[in-house]
C-alpha atoms as a PDB file:
ATOM      1  CA  MET A   1     -20.975  16.011  -5.213  1.00  0.00           C
ATOM      2  CA  PRO A   2     -19.506  13.125  -5.739  1.00  0.00           C
ATOM      3  CA  ARG A   3     -17.217  11.172  -3.241  1.00  0.00           C
ATOM      4  CA  PRO A   4     -13.615  11.442  -3.457  1.00  0.00           C
ATOM      5  CA  ARG A   5     -12.191   8.493  -5.018  1.00  0.00           C
ATOM      6  CA  ILE A   6      -9.103   6.559  -3.328  1.00  0.00           C
ATOM      7  CA  TYR A   7      -7.274   3.757  -5.124  1.00  0.00           C
ATOM      8  CA  LEU A   8      -6.444   1.461  -2.315  1.00  0.00           C
ATOM      9  CA  ALA A   9      -2.983   0.082  -3.164  1.00  0.00           C
ATOM     10  CA  GLY A  10      -1.741  -3.201  -0.798  1.00  0.00           C
ATOM     11  CA  PRO A  11      -1.321  -6.750  -1.214  1.00  0.00           C
ATOM     12  CA  GLU A  12      -4.292  -7.664  -1.505  1.00  0.00           C
ATOM     13  CA  VAL A  13      -4.302  -8.348  -4.742  1.00  0.00           C
ATOM     14  CA  PHE A  14      -2.355 -11.662  -3.389  1.00  0.00           C
ATOM     15  CA  LEU A  15      -4.574 -12.637  -1.118  1.00  0.00           C
ATOM     16  CA  PRO A  16      -6.718 -15.961  -1.868  1.00  0.00           C
ATOM     17  CA  ASP A  17      -9.521 -13.713  -2.504  1.00  0.00           C
ATOM     18  CA  PRO A  18      -8.645 -10.485  -3.723  1.00  0.00           C
ATOM     19  CA  ILE A  19     -11.825  -9.232  -5.374  1.00  0.00           C
ATOM     20  CA  GLU A  20     -13.852  -9.944  -1.411  1.00  0.00           C
ATOM     21  CA  ALA A  21     -10.734  -8.053   0.023  1.00  0.00           C
ATOM     22  CA  GLY A  22     -10.937  -5.352  -2.691  1.00  0.00           C
ATOM     23  CA  ARG A  23     -15.209  -5.711  -1.722  1.00  0.00           C
ATOM     24  CA  VAL A  24     -14.701  -5.803   1.967  1.00  0.00           C
ATOM     25  CA  LYS A  25     -12.470  -2.589   1.724  1.00  0.00           C
ATOM     26  CA  CYS A  26     -14.702  -0.051  -1.262  1.00  0.00           C
ATOM     27  CA  ALA A  27     -17.502  -0.775   1.460  1.00  0.00           C
ATOM     28  CA  ILE A  28     -15.511   0.575   4.570  1.00  0.00           C
ATOM     29  CA  ALA A  29     -14.313   3.386   2.095  1.00  0.00           C
ATOM     30  CA  GLY A  30     -18.393   4.159   1.600  1.00  0.00           C
ATOM     31  CA  GLU A  31     -18.846   3.805   4.575  1.00  0.00           C
ATOM     32  CA  HIS A  32     -17.048   6.919   5.801  1.00  0.00           C
ATOM     33  CA  GLY A  33     -17.969   9.147   2.360  1.00  0.00           C
ATOM     34  CA  LEU A  34     -15.053   8.033  -0.007  1.00  0.00           C
ATOM     35  CA  GLU A  35     -15.397   5.600  -2.770  1.00  0.00           C
ATOM     36  CA  GLY A  36     -12.985   3.418  -2.972  1.00  0.00           C
ATOM     37  CA  VAL A  37     -11.071   2.753  -6.278  1.00  0.00           C
ATOM     38  CA  TYR A  38      -8.966  -1.133  -5.916  1.00  0.00           C
ATOM     39  CA  PRO A  39      -6.695  -2.455  -8.935  1.00  0.00           C
ATOM     40  CA  LEU A  40      -8.789  -5.189 -10.105  1.00  0.00           C
ATOM     41  CA  ASP A  41     -11.807  -3.087 -10.741  1.00  0.00           C
ATOM     42  CA  ALA A  42     -10.409  -3.232 -13.701  1.00  0.00           C
ATOM     43  CA  SER A  43     -12.434  -5.561 -16.311  1.00  0.00           C
ATOM     44  CA  LEU A  44      -9.090  -6.224 -18.188  1.00  0.00           C
ATOM     45  CA  ASP A  45      -9.846  -8.930 -20.966  1.00  0.00           C
ATOM     46  CA  LEU A  46      -6.325 -10.490 -20.578  1.00  0.00           C
ATOM     47  CA  SER A  47      -7.127 -13.472 -23.008  1.00  0.00           C
ATOM     48  CA  GLY A  48      -4.909 -14.041 -26.325  1.00  0.00           C
ATOM     49  CA  LEU A  49      -2.033 -11.961 -24.197  1.00  0.00           C
ATOM     50  CA  ASP A  50       1.986 -13.561 -22.734  1.00  0.00           C
ATOM     51  CA  LYS A  51       2.519 -12.899 -19.693  1.00  0.00           C
ATOM     52  CA  HIS A  52       4.704  -9.956 -20.769  1.00  0.00           C
ATOM     53  CA  ALA A  53       1.701  -7.725 -22.394  1.00  0.00           C
ATOM     54  CA  GLN A  54      -0.693  -8.859 -19.589  1.00  0.00           C
ATOM     55  CA  ALA A  55       1.794  -7.124 -16.836  1.00  0.00           C
ATOM     56  CA  ALA A  56       1.593  -4.330 -19.394  1.00  0.00           C
ATOM     57  CA  LEU A  57      -1.857  -3.752 -19.563  1.00  0.00           C
ATOM     58  CA  ILE A  58      -2.461  -4.838 -16.127  1.00  0.00           C
ATOM     59  CA  SER A  59       0.418  -1.471 -14.794  1.00  0.00           C
ATOM     60  CA  ARG A  60      -1.266   1.053 -17.559  1.00  0.00           C
ATOM     61  CA  SER A  61      -4.823   0.075 -16.259  1.00  0.00           C
ATOM     62  CA  ASN A  62      -3.996   0.256 -12.349  1.00  0.00           C
ATOM     63  CA  GLU A  63      -1.466   4.015 -13.313  1.00  0.00           C
ATOM     64  CA  ASP A  64      -5.048   5.402 -15.152  1.00  0.00           C
ATOM     65  CA  LEU A  65      -6.757   4.183 -11.988  1.00  0.00           C
ATOM     66  CA  MET A  66      -4.634   5.964  -9.858  1.00  0.00           C
ATOM     67  CA  ARG A  67      -4.346   8.964 -11.929  1.00  0.00           C
ATOM     68  CA  SER A  68      -8.796   9.095 -11.789  1.00  0.00           C
ATOM     69  CA  CYS A  69      -8.636   8.944  -7.337  1.00  0.00           C
ATOM     70  CA  ASP A  70      -7.674  11.786  -5.678  1.00  0.00           C
ATOM     71  CA  ALA A  71      -5.977  10.457  -2.870  1.00  0.00           C
ATOM     72  CA  LEU A  72      -4.143   7.011  -2.801  1.00  0.00           C
ATOM     73  CA  ILE A  73      -3.761   4.595   1.035  1.00  0.00           C
ATOM     74  CA  ALA A  74      -0.831   1.886   1.062  1.00  0.00           C
ATOM     75  CA  ASN A  75      -1.352  -0.791   3.122  1.00  0.00           C
ATOM     76  CA  LEU A  76       2.244  -1.175   3.681  1.00  0.00           C
ATOM     77  CA  THR A  77       2.414  -3.795   5.644  1.00  0.00           C
ATOM     78  CA  PRO A  78       5.443  -6.013   5.317  1.00  0.00           C
ATOM     79  CA  PHE A  79       5.129  -8.488   2.451  1.00  0.00           C
ATOM     80  CA  ARG A  80       7.744 -10.810   1.316  1.00  0.00           C
ATOM     81  CA  GLY A  81      10.621  -9.778   2.766  1.00  0.00           C
ATOM     82  CA  ALA A  82      11.126  -7.428   5.069  1.00  0.00           C
ATOM     83  CA  SER A  83       9.566  -4.431   3.306  1.00  0.00           C
ATOM     84  CA  ALA A  84       6.213  -3.273   1.709  1.00  0.00           C
ATOM     85  CA  ASP A  85       4.762  -5.318  -1.296  1.00  0.00           C
ATOM     86  CA  ALA A  86       6.778  -3.647  -4.380  1.00  0.00           C
ATOM     87  CA  GLY A  87       5.018  -2.597  -6.851  1.00  0.00           C
ATOM     88  CA  THR A  88       2.527  -0.564  -3.831  1.00  0.00           C
ATOM     89  CA  ALA A  89       5.848   1.322  -2.769  1.00  0.00           C
ATOM     90  CA  PHE A  90       5.546   2.673  -6.677  1.00  0.00           C
ATOM     91  CA  GLU A  91       2.542   2.943  -6.382  1.00  0.00           C
ATOM     92  CA  VAL A  92       2.545   5.676  -3.545  1.00  0.00           C
ATOM     93  CA  GLY A  93       5.584   7.400  -5.274  1.00  0.00           C
ATOM     94  CA  PHE A  94       3.216   7.503  -8.933  1.00  0.00           C
ATOM     95  CA  MET A  95       0.596   8.994  -6.422  1.00  0.00           C
ATOM     96  CA  ARG A  96       2.958  11.564  -4.216  1.00  0.00           C
ATOM     97  CA  ALA A  97       4.455  12.641  -8.334  1.00  0.00           C
ATOM     98  CA  LEU A  98       0.835  13.573  -9.493  1.00  0.00           C
ATOM     99  CA  GLY A  99       0.835  15.760  -6.096  1.00  0.00           C
ATOM    100  CA  ARG A 100      -2.281  13.765  -5.029  1.00  0.00           C
ATOM    101  CA  PRO A 101      -2.399  13.372  -0.936  1.00  0.00           C
ATOM    102  CA  VAL A 102      -0.646   9.475   0.379  1.00  0.00           C
ATOM    103  CA  LEU A 103      -1.314   7.913   3.250  1.00  0.00           C
ATOM    104  CA  GLY A 104      -0.128   4.473   4.675  1.00  0.00           C
ATOM    105  CA  TYR A 105      -0.665   1.992   7.175  1.00  0.00           C
ATOM    106  CA  THR A 106       1.174  -0.924   8.681  1.00  0.00           C
ATOM    107  CA  ASN A 107      -0.180  -4.049  11.010  1.00  0.00           C
ATOM    108  CA  SER A 108       3.527  -3.993  11.797  1.00  0.00           C
ATOM    109  CA  PRO A 109       4.544  -2.660  15.166  1.00  0.00           C
ATOM    110  CA  LEU A 110       8.433  -3.139  14.013  1.00  0.00           C
ATOM    111  CA  ASP A 111      10.570  -0.540  12.438  1.00  0.00           C
ATOM    112  CA  TYR A 112      12.315  -1.065   9.836  1.00  0.00           C
ATOM    113  CA  VAL A 113      15.554  -1.450  10.483  1.00  0.00           C
ATOM    114  CA  ALA A 114      14.336  -4.167  13.262  1.00  0.00           C
ATOM    115  CA  ARG A 115      12.816  -6.133  10.420  1.00  0.00           C
ATOM    116  CA  ALA A 116      16.104  -5.589   7.924  1.00  0.00           C
ATOM    117  CA  LYS A 117      17.629  -7.656  11.100  1.00  0.00           C
ATOM    118  CA  ALA A 118      15.619 -10.089  11.320  1.00  0.00           C
ATOM    119  CA  VAL A 119      15.568 -11.097   7.790  1.00  0.00           C
ATOM    120  CA  ARG A 120      18.936 -11.271   7.727  1.00  0.00           C
ATOM    121  CA  VAL A 121      19.519 -13.784  10.624  1.00  0.00           C
ATOM    122  CA  GLN A 122      17.565 -15.930   8.669  1.00  0.00           C
ATOM    123  CA  GLY A 123      20.570 -16.209   6.088  1.00  0.00           C
ATOM    124  CA  LEU A 124      20.516 -14.532   3.031  1.00  0.00           C
ATOM    125  CA  GLN A 125      19.284 -15.806  -0.357  1.00  0.00           C
ATOM    126  CA  ALA A 126      21.888 -16.124  -3.633  1.00  0.00           C
ATOM    127  CA  PHE A 127      19.547 -13.628  -5.504  1.00  0.00           C
ATOM    128  CA  ASP A 128      19.677 -10.920  -2.520  1.00  0.00           C
ATOM    129  CA  GLY A 129      21.728  -8.102  -2.347  1.00  0.00           C
ATOM    130  CA  ASP A 130      22.027  -7.918   1.028  1.00  0.00           C
ATOM    131  CA  ALA A 131      25.055  -9.267   2.955  1.00  0.00           C
ATOM    132  CA  THR A 132      26.558  -8.504   6.534  1.00  0.00           C
ATOM    133  CA  GLY A 133      28.430  -5.269   6.525  1.00  0.00           C
ATOM    134  CA  VAL A 134      25.674  -3.541   4.002  1.00  0.00           C
ATOM    135  CA  ALA A 135      23.941  -0.761   6.119  1.00  0.00           C
ATOM    136  CA  ILE A 136      20.829  -0.938   7.405  1.00  0.00           C
ATOM    137  CA  GLU A 137      18.460   2.095   6.612  1.00  0.00           C
ATOM    138  CA  ASP A 138      17.533   2.948  10.499  1.00  0.00           C
ATOM    139  CA  PHE A 139      16.268   6.261  10.864  1.00  0.00           C
ATOM    140  CA  ASP A 140      13.453   5.237  13.136  1.00  0.00           C
ATOM    141  CA  LEU A 141      10.724   4.746  10.330  1.00  0.00           C
ATOM    142  CA  ALA A 142       8.728   2.173  10.240  1.00  0.00           C
ATOM    143  CA  GLU A 143       9.616   2.569   6.219  1.00  0.00           C
ATOM    144  CA  ASN A 144      11.551   3.110   3.671  1.00  0.00           C
ATOM    145  CA  LEU A 145      12.093   7.124   4.276  1.00  0.00           C
ATOM    146  CA  MET A 146      10.886   7.695   0.727  1.00  0.00           C
ATOM    147  CA  ILE A 147       7.488   6.460   1.562  1.00  0.00           C
ATOM    148  CA  GLU A 148       7.085   7.355   5.399  1.00  0.00           C
ATOM    149  CA  ILE A 149       8.048  11.189   4.587  1.00  0.00           C
ATOM    150  CA  ALA A 150       5.827  11.134   1.377  1.00  0.00           C
ATOM    151  CA  ILE A 151       3.088  10.555   3.277  1.00  0.00           C
ATOM    152  CA  GLU A 152       4.464  13.313   6.277  1.00  0.00           C
ATOM    153  CA  ALA A 153       4.763  15.608   2.951  1.00  0.00           C
ATOM    154  CA  SER A 154       0.834  14.119   1.823  1.00  0.00           C
ATOM    155  CA  GLY A 155      -0.735  16.149   5.170  1.00  0.00           C
ATOM    156  CA  SER A 156      -0.582  12.858   7.277  1.00  0.00           C
ATOM    157  CA  LYS A 157       1.411  10.240   8.716  1.00  0.00           C
ATOM    158  CA  LEU A 158       2.179   6.936   8.354  1.00  0.00           C
ATOM    159  CA  ILE A 159      -0.302   4.582  10.792  1.00  0.00           C
ATOM    160  CA  ARG A 160       1.086   2.104  12.539  1.00  0.00           C
ATOM    161  CA  HIS A 161      -1.415  -0.678  14.051  1.00  0.00           C
ATOM    162  CA  THR A 162      -0.615  -3.922  15.890  1.00  0.00           C
ATOM    163  CA  ALA A 163      -2.490  -6.341  14.163  1.00  0.00           C
ATOM    164  CA  PRO A 164      -3.651  -9.181  16.517  1.00  0.00           C
ATOM    165  CA  ALA A 165      -2.131 -13.058  15.238  1.00  0.00           C
ATOM    166  CA  GLY A 166      -2.905 -14.290  12.490  1.00  0.00           C
ATOM    167  CA  THR A 167      -4.889 -11.243  11.238  1.00  0.00           C
ATOM    168  CA  VAL A 168      -1.418  -9.274   9.593  1.00  0.00           C
ATOM    169  CA  MET A 169      -3.261  -9.102   6.101  1.00  0.00           C
ATOM    170  CA  ALA A 170      -6.636  -9.123   7.243  1.00  0.00           C
ATOM    171  CA  ASP A 171      -6.551  -6.374   9.966  1.00  0.00           C
ATOM    172  CA  LEU A 172      -8.038  -2.875   8.810  1.00  0.00           C
ATOM    173  CA  ASP A 173      -8.477  -1.111  11.972  1.00  0.00           C
ATOM    174  CA  GLY A 174      -5.117   0.866  11.190  1.00  0.00           C
ATOM    175  CA  PHE A 175      -7.079   1.249   7.077  1.00  0.00           C
ATOM    176  CA  ARG A 176      -9.833   3.284   9.054  1.00  0.00           C
ATOM    177  CA  GLN A 177      -7.658   5.124  11.072  1.00  0.00           C
ATOM    178  CA  CYS A 178      -6.549   6.493   7.668  1.00  0.00           C
ATOM    179  CA  LEU A 179      -9.848   6.598   5.971  1.00  0.00           C
ATOM    180  CA  CYS A 180     -10.538   9.258   8.573  1.00  0.00           C
ATOM    181  CA  GLU A 181      -7.216  11.279   7.493  1.00  0.00           C
ATOM    182  CA  ALA A 182      -8.619  10.955   3.525  1.00  0.00           C
ATOM    183  CA  ARG A 183     -11.838  12.677   5.179  1.00  0.00           C
ATOM    184  CA  ARG A 184      -9.019  15.251   6.814  1.00  0.00           C
ATOM    185  CA  LEU A 185      -7.066  15.989   4.418  1.00  0.00           C
ATOM    186  CA  LEU A 186      -9.934  16.057   1.382  1.00  0.00           C
ATOM    187  CA  GLN A 187     -11.955  18.459   3.838  1.00  0.00           C
ATOM    188  CA  VAL A 188     -14.750  15.883   3.417  1.00  0.00           C
ATOM    189  CA  PRO A 189     -17.803  17.352   5.821  1.00  0.00           C
END
């Protein structure tokens, strides 16, 4: 019987060695009886394409990979701001719309509202639409309500893990917890 396929969403694709980050996560998924599917798995030939065409091919490829998976685990650790990586948030919604289980973890112990306020205190960027007096979502959640409630509606909960200093993107304890939850949700013996 084939192992359930789990799409591994997250900002690891931007790390200095994204292939190694994916290899490690796929190996850990294998140890849990699951097949990890990393977004950079698709060997795409981007040569000769302009940047927009490259982006379109990557997007279509990742959507095809997600359609081939039984569930998704998202690294929702804040990336480039107060929130999860925007592409990862899209992937959570995409899989939820397909009716597949979505699971997630964050290596930040802070609620979204605390992170948003911390970013605001640092000074707003001219390109950012945030401003003093603009409401910050506050539901005692780790991430935007649409993401966290999607995970709960899938039968799980967003795993909050406090990573040791300097390991925010490398710590995989929350990921391992999600793998155990994925086995439960997918009824893997």
